Amino acid sequence: MKEVKVLIHTDYIKLESLLKLAGICLSGGEAKQLIGQGQVQFGGEVCLQRGKKCRPGDQIEINSTILLLAAE
């Protein structure tokens, strides 16, 4: 598994936006599709909420990649 640290400068970022920021998805439509297909895990559980608030310290797993959120 590959770990990628993602820095955010706000209190939270929506899951859909996080996937675009991290370069996992090129568009919101692609992010919506991945989330809707159950390919994204938030805290070890499948997450189907595009607008899920992700905060520093959270871990999101998708396609053998773990996104680690941290504050700037």
C-alpha atoms as a PDB file:
ATOM      1  CA  MET A   1       0.000   0.000   0.000  1.00  0.00           C
ATOM      2  CA  LYS A   2       1.174   3.459  -0.880  1.00  0.00           C
ATOM      3  CA  GLU A   3       0.644   6.296   1.604  1.00  0.00           C
ATOM      4  CA  VAL A   4       0.170   9.861   0.387  1.00  0.00           C
ATOM      5  CA  LYS A   5       0.140  12.830   2.757  1.00  0.00           C
ATOM      6  CA  VAL A   6      -2.380  15.483   1.710  1.00  0.00           C
ATOM      7  CA  LEU A   7      -2.117  18.949   3.249  1.00  0.00           C
ATOM      8  CA  ILE A   8      -5.245  21.055   3.653  1.00  0.00           C
ATOM      9  CA  HIS A   9      -5.425  24.646   4.873  1.00  0.00           C
ATOM     10  CA  THR A  10      -9.061  24.576   6.055  1.00  0.00           C
ATOM     11  CA  ASP A  11     -10.806  22.809   8.951  1.00  0.00           C
ATOM     12  CA  TYR A  12     -12.134  20.138   6.595  1.00  0.00           C
ATOM     13  CA  ILE A  13     -12.444  19.146   2.948  1.00  0.00           C
ATOM     14  CA  LYS A  14     -15.266  17.216   1.337  1.00  0.00           C
ATOM     15  CA  LEU A  15     -14.378  13.700   0.245  1.00  0.00           C
ATOM     16  CA  GLU A  16     -15.138  14.420  -3.405  1.00  0.00           C
ATOM     17  CA  SER A  17     -12.825  17.456  -3.392  1.00  0.00           C
ATOM     18  CA  LEU A  18     -10.117  15.532  -1.548  1.00  0.00           C
ATOM     19  CA  LEU A  19      -9.966  12.882  -4.260  1.00  0.00           C
ATOM     20  CA  LYS A  20      -9.451  15.622  -6.859  1.00  0.00           C
ATOM     21  CA  LEU A  21      -6.868  17.476  -4.747  1.00  0.00           C
ATOM     22  CA  ALA A  22      -4.861  14.279  -4.200  1.00  0.00           C
ATOM     23  CA  GLY A  23      -4.869  13.530  -7.938  1.00  0.00           C
ATOM     24  CA  ILE A  24      -6.870  10.316  -7.565  1.00  0.00           C
ATOM     25  CA  CYS A  25      -9.622  11.733  -9.804  1.00  0.00           C
ATOM     26  CA  LEU A  26      -9.448  14.298 -12.585  1.00  0.00           C
ATOM     27  CA  SER A  27     -13.047  15.490 -12.216  1.00  0.00           C
ATOM     28  CA  GLY A  28     -15.918  15.649  -9.778  1.00  0.00           C
ATOM     29  CA  GLY A  29     -17.836  13.206 -11.979  1.00  0.00           C
ATOM     30  CA  GLU A  30     -15.058  10.635 -11.704  1.00  0.00           C
ATOM     31  CA  ALA A  31     -14.940  11.095  -7.913  1.00  0.00           C
ATOM     32  CA  LYS A  32     -18.713  10.710  -7.698  1.00  0.00           C
ATOM     33  CA  GLN A  33     -18.505   7.463  -9.641  1.00  0.00           C
ATOM     34  CA  LEU A  34     -15.728   5.961  -7.472  1.00  0.00           C
ATOM     35  CA  ILE A  35     -17.529   6.903  -4.260  1.00  0.00           C
ATOM     36  CA  GLY A  36     -20.879   5.620  -5.562  1.00  0.00           C
ATOM     37  CA  GLN A  37     -19.333   2.283  -6.519  1.00  0.00           C
ATOM     38  CA  GLY A  38     -18.112   1.789  -2.951  1.00  0.00           C
ATOM     39  CA  GLN A  39     -14.414   1.957  -3.845  1.00  0.00           C
ATOM     40  CA  VAL A  40     -13.565   4.492  -1.133  1.00  0.00           C
ATOM     41  CA  GLN A  41     -13.050   3.621   2.530  1.00  0.00           C
ATOM     42  CA  PHE A  42     -13.142   6.218   5.288  1.00  0.00           C
ATOM     43  CA  GLY A  43     -11.773   5.027   8.616  1.00  0.00           C
ATOM     44  CA  GLY A  44     -11.813   1.406   7.424  1.00  0.00           C
ATOM     45  CA  GLU A  45     -15.472   1.464   6.322  1.00  0.00           C
ATOM     46  CA  VAL A  46     -16.930   1.942   2.846  1.00  0.00           C
ATOM     47  CA  CYS A  47     -18.124   5.531   2.454  1.00  0.00           C
ATOM     48  CA  LEU A  48     -20.816   6.438  -0.072  1.00  0.00           C
ATOM     49  CA  GLN A  49     -21.129  10.114   0.947  1.00  0.00           C
ATOM     50  CA  ARG A  50     -19.513  12.499  -1.554  1.00  0.00           C
ATOM     51  CA  GLY A  51     -19.838  15.377   0.889  1.00  0.00           C
ATOM     52  CA  LYS A  52     -18.300  13.520   3.851  1.00  0.00           C
ATOM     53  CA  LYS A  53     -16.197  16.004   5.821  1.00  0.00           C
ATOM     54  CA  CYS A  54     -12.579  14.872   6.004  1.00  0.00           C
ATOM     55  CA  ARG A  55     -10.405  16.484   8.657  1.00  0.00           C
ATOM     56  CA  PRO A  56      -6.686  16.396   9.499  1.00  0.00           C
ATOM     57  CA  GLY A  57      -5.854  13.020  11.024  1.00  0.00           C
ATOM     58  CA  ASP A  58      -8.404  11.124   8.893  1.00  0.00           C
ATOM     59  CA  GLN A  59      -7.350   8.266   6.632  1.00  0.00           C
ATOM     60  CA  ILE A  60      -9.036   7.494   3.326  1.00  0.00           C
ATOM     61  CA  GLU A  61      -8.233   4.358   1.354  1.00  0.00           C
ATOM     62  CA  ILE A  62      -8.799   3.954  -2.377  1.00  0.00           C
ATOM     63  CA  ASN A  63      -7.202   1.666  -4.960  1.00  0.00           C
ATOM     64  CA  SER A  64      -4.268   0.511  -2.785  1.00  0.00           C
ATOM     65  CA  THR A  65      -3.527   4.114  -1.752  1.00  0.00           C
ATOM     66  CA  ILE A  66      -3.997   5.573   1.707  1.00  0.00           C
ATOM     67  CA  LEU A  67      -4.542   9.322   1.879  1.00  0.00           C
ATOM     68  CA  LEU A  68      -3.370  10.821   5.183  1.00  0.00           C
ATOM     69  CA  LEU A  69      -4.814  14.255   5.885  1.00  0.00           C
ATOM     70  CA  ALA A  70      -2.720  16.850   7.664  1.00  0.00           C
ATOM     71  CA  ALA A  71      -3.114  20.569   8.357  1.00  0.00           C
ATOM     72  CA  GLU A  72      -0.806  23.077   6.694  1.00  0.00           C
END
